[in-house]
Amino acid sequence: MSRRAHTTQLHAARRTLVCAALALMAFACAASRGVDPEKPSAGAPYPVTLTSNDERDRATRDAWARLLTEQGITNPPAPELQPITATLAAIRQRG
């Protein structure tokens, strides 16, 4: 093995070792902090509590009608909405 090939392998090994060390240090910081289930979080409570809301229902129905009107459907049918989330449950068929 030539001296140049040996030097190239040595540099590659050093780069690999430095990258591995940096990765270990980066992940060690995150792993050192434990999760405390008793400690309150800064975010919203989990599970999220969502109640029925007439404004959400109205906004969904308006958006649905606007979408269908933009697609050229006149007098669009009213959709069936899920009771809490006001998401589409079913689309009524015209008969």
C-alpha atoms as a PDB file:
ATOM      1  CA  MET A   1       0.000   0.000   0.000  1.00  0.00           C
ATOM      2  CA  SER A   2       1.378   3.366  -0.957  1.00  0.00           C
ATOM      3  CA  ARG A   3       1.846   6.171   1.487  1.00  0.00           C
ATOM      4  CA  ARG A   4      -0.779   8.288  -0.310  1.00  0.00           C
ATOM      5  CA  ALA A   5      -3.430   5.553  -0.092  1.00  0.00           C
ATOM      6  CA  HIS A   6      -2.657   5.071   3.585  1.00  0.00           C
ATOM      7  CA  THR A   7      -3.036   8.824   4.225  1.00  0.00           C
ATOM      8  CA  THR A   8      -6.353   8.893   2.343  1.00  0.00           C
ATOM      9  CA  GLN A   9      -7.704   6.008   4.418  1.00  0.00           C
ATOM     10  CA  LEU A  10      -6.541   7.699   7.592  1.00  0.00           C
ATOM     11  CA  HIS A  11      -8.357  10.934   6.673  1.00  0.00           C
ATOM     12  CA  ALA A  12     -11.530   9.008   5.848  1.00  0.00           C
ATOM     13  CA  ALA A  13     -11.373   7.215   9.188  1.00  0.00           C
ATOM     14  CA  ARG A  14     -10.877  10.509  11.024  1.00  0.00           C
ATOM     15  CA  ARG A  15     -13.840  12.101   9.229  1.00  0.00           C
ATOM     16  CA  THR A  16     -16.018   9.134  10.112  1.00  0.00           C
ATOM     17  CA  LEU A  17     -14.916   9.268  13.745  1.00  0.00           C
ATOM     18  CA  VAL A  18     -15.553  13.038  13.986  1.00  0.00           C
ATOM     19  CA  CYS A  19     -19.018  12.686  12.400  1.00  0.00           C
ATOM     20  CA  ALA A  20     -19.928   9.852  14.767  1.00  0.00           C
ATOM     21  CA  ALA A  21     -18.724  11.847  17.779  1.00  0.00           C
ATOM     22  CA  LEU A  22     -20.714  14.919  16.731  1.00  0.00           C
ATOM     23  CA  ALA A  23     -23.833  12.823  16.207  1.00  0.00           C
ATOM     24  CA  LEU A  24     -23.459  11.197  19.619  1.00  0.00           C
ATOM     25  CA  MET A  25     -23.002  14.556  21.318  1.00  0.00           C
ATOM     26  CA  ALA A  26     -26.026  16.034  19.555  1.00  0.00           C
ATOM     27  CA  PHE A  27     -28.311  13.154  20.480  1.00  0.00           C
ATOM     28  CA  ALA A  28     -26.940  12.846  24.012  1.00  0.00           C
ATOM     29  CA  CYS A  29     -28.245  16.305  24.877  1.00  0.00           C
ATOM     30  CA  ALA A  30     -31.767  15.408  23.823  1.00  0.00           C
ATOM     31  CA  ALA A  31     -31.698  12.028  25.554  1.00  0.00           C
ATOM     32  CA  SER A  32     -30.448  13.414  28.865  1.00  0.00           C
ATOM     33  CA  ARG A  33     -33.689  15.291  29.511  1.00  0.00           C
ATOM     34  CA  GLY A  34     -36.283  12.941  30.851  1.00  0.00           C
ATOM     35  CA  VAL A  35     -39.998  13.399  30.381  1.00  0.00           C
ATOM     36  CA  ASP A  36     -41.812  14.346  33.554  1.00  0.00           C
ATOM     37  CA  PRO A  37     -45.475  13.330  33.273  1.00  0.00           C
ATOM     38  CA  GLU A  38     -46.341  15.408  36.334  1.00  0.00           C
ATOM     39  CA  LYS A  39     -44.950  18.598  34.840  1.00  0.00           C
ATOM     40  CA  PRO A  40     -47.524  20.704  32.966  1.00  0.00           C
ATOM     41  CA  SER A  41     -46.796  21.492  29.359  1.00  0.00           C
ATOM     42  CA  ALA A  42     -46.979  24.922  27.786  1.00  0.00           C
ATOM     43  CA  GLY A  43     -49.285  23.764  24.986  1.00  0.00           C
ATOM     44  CA  ALA A  44     -52.957  22.959  24.805  1.00  0.00           C
ATOM     45  CA  PRO A  45     -54.308  20.154  27.008  1.00  0.00           C
ATOM     46  CA  TYR A  46     -54.214  16.656  25.586  1.00  0.00           C
ATOM     47  CA  PRO A  47     -56.523  15.141  24.595  1.00  0.00           C
ATOM     48  CA  VAL A  48     -58.051  18.168  22.988  1.00  0.00           C
ATOM     49  CA  THR A  49     -61.553  18.855  24.167  1.00  0.00           C
ATOM     50  CA  LEU A  50     -63.752  20.034  21.334  1.00  0.00           C
ATOM     51  CA  THR A  51     -67.420  20.858  21.654  1.00  0.00           C
ATOM     52  CA  SER A  52     -70.095  21.397  19.062  1.00  0.00           C
ATOM     53  CA  ASN A  53     -70.058  24.897  17.658  1.00  0.00           C
ATOM     54  CA  ASP A  54     -72.747  26.515  15.477  1.00  0.00           C
ATOM     55  CA  GLU A  55     -70.207  28.911  13.977  1.00  0.00           C
ATOM     56  CA  ARG A  56     -68.002  25.994  12.853  1.00  0.00           C
ATOM     57  CA  ASP A  57     -71.053  24.249  11.318  1.00  0.00           C
ATOM     58  CA  ARG A  58     -72.073  27.413   9.477  1.00  0.00           C
ATOM     59  CA  ALA A  59     -68.527  28.025   8.211  1.00  0.00           C
ATOM     60  CA  THR A  60     -68.285  24.456   6.927  1.00  0.00           C
ATOM     61  CA  ARG A  61     -71.641  24.657   5.152  1.00  0.00           C
ATOM     62  CA  ASP A  62     -70.724  28.028   3.616  1.00  0.00           C
ATOM     63  CA  ALA A  63     -67.361  26.702   2.419  1.00  0.00           C
ATOM     64  CA  TRP A  64     -69.043  23.611   0.962  1.00  0.00           C
ATOM     65  CA  ALA A  65     -71.625  25.684  -0.903  1.00  0.00           C
ATOM     66  CA  ARG A  66     -68.928  28.064  -2.167  1.00  0.00           C
ATOM     67  CA  LEU A  67     -66.785  25.149  -3.407  1.00  0.00           C
ATOM     68  CA  LEU A  68     -69.658  23.556  -5.305  1.00  0.00           C
ATOM     69  CA  THR A  69     -70.832  26.887  -6.711  1.00  0.00           C
ATOM     70  CA  GLU A  70     -67.314  27.560  -8.021  1.00  0.00           C
ATOM     71  CA  GLN A  71     -67.481  24.169  -9.746  1.00  0.00           C
ATOM     72  CA  GLY A  72     -70.656  25.217 -11.536  1.00  0.00           C
ATOM     73  CA  ILE A  73     -73.188  23.356  -9.385  1.00  0.00           C
ATOM     74  CA  THR A  74     -76.232  25.501  -8.747  1.00  0.00           C
ATOM     75  CA  ASN A  75     -78.253  24.964  -5.589  1.00  0.00           C
ATOM     76  CA  PRO A  76     -75.769  22.486  -4.041  1.00  0.00           C
ATOM     77  CA  PRO A  77     -77.134  19.864  -1.628  1.00  0.00           C
ATOM     78  CA  ALA A  78     -76.405  20.390   2.067  1.00  0.00           C
ATOM     79  CA  PRO A  79     -73.841  17.904   3.393  1.00  0.00           C
ATOM     80  CA  GLU A  80     -74.253  15.749   6.496  1.00  0.00           C
ATOM     81  CA  LEU A  81     -71.700  16.900   9.056  1.00  0.00           C
ATOM     82  CA  GLN A  82     -70.091  15.083  11.958  1.00  0.00           C
ATOM     83  CA  PRO A  83     -71.661  16.418  15.172  1.00  0.00           C
ATOM     84  CA  ILE A  84     -68.543  17.753  16.908  1.00  0.00           C
ATOM     85  CA  THR A  85     -65.890  18.395  14.259  1.00  0.00           C
ATOM     86  CA  ALA A  86     -68.239  19.654  11.514  1.00  0.00           C
ATOM     87  CA  THR A  87     -66.388  17.558   8.939  1.00  0.00           C
ATOM     88  CA  LEU A  88     -68.192  15.866   6.067  1.00  0.00           C
ATOM     89  CA  ALA A  89     -69.885  12.634   7.125  1.00  0.00           C
ATOM     90  CA  ALA A  90     -71.896  12.049   3.980  1.00  0.00           C
ATOM     91  CA  ILE A  91     -73.050  13.891   0.924  1.00  0.00           C
ATOM     92  CA  ARG A  92     -76.749  13.685   0.230  1.00  0.00           C
ATOM     93  CA  GLN A  93     -77.654  12.629  -3.270  1.00  0.00           C
ATOM     94  CA  ARG A  94     -80.212  14.525  -5.222  1.00  0.00           C
ATOM     95  CA  GLY A  95     -83.157  12.334  -5.950  1.00  0.00           C
END
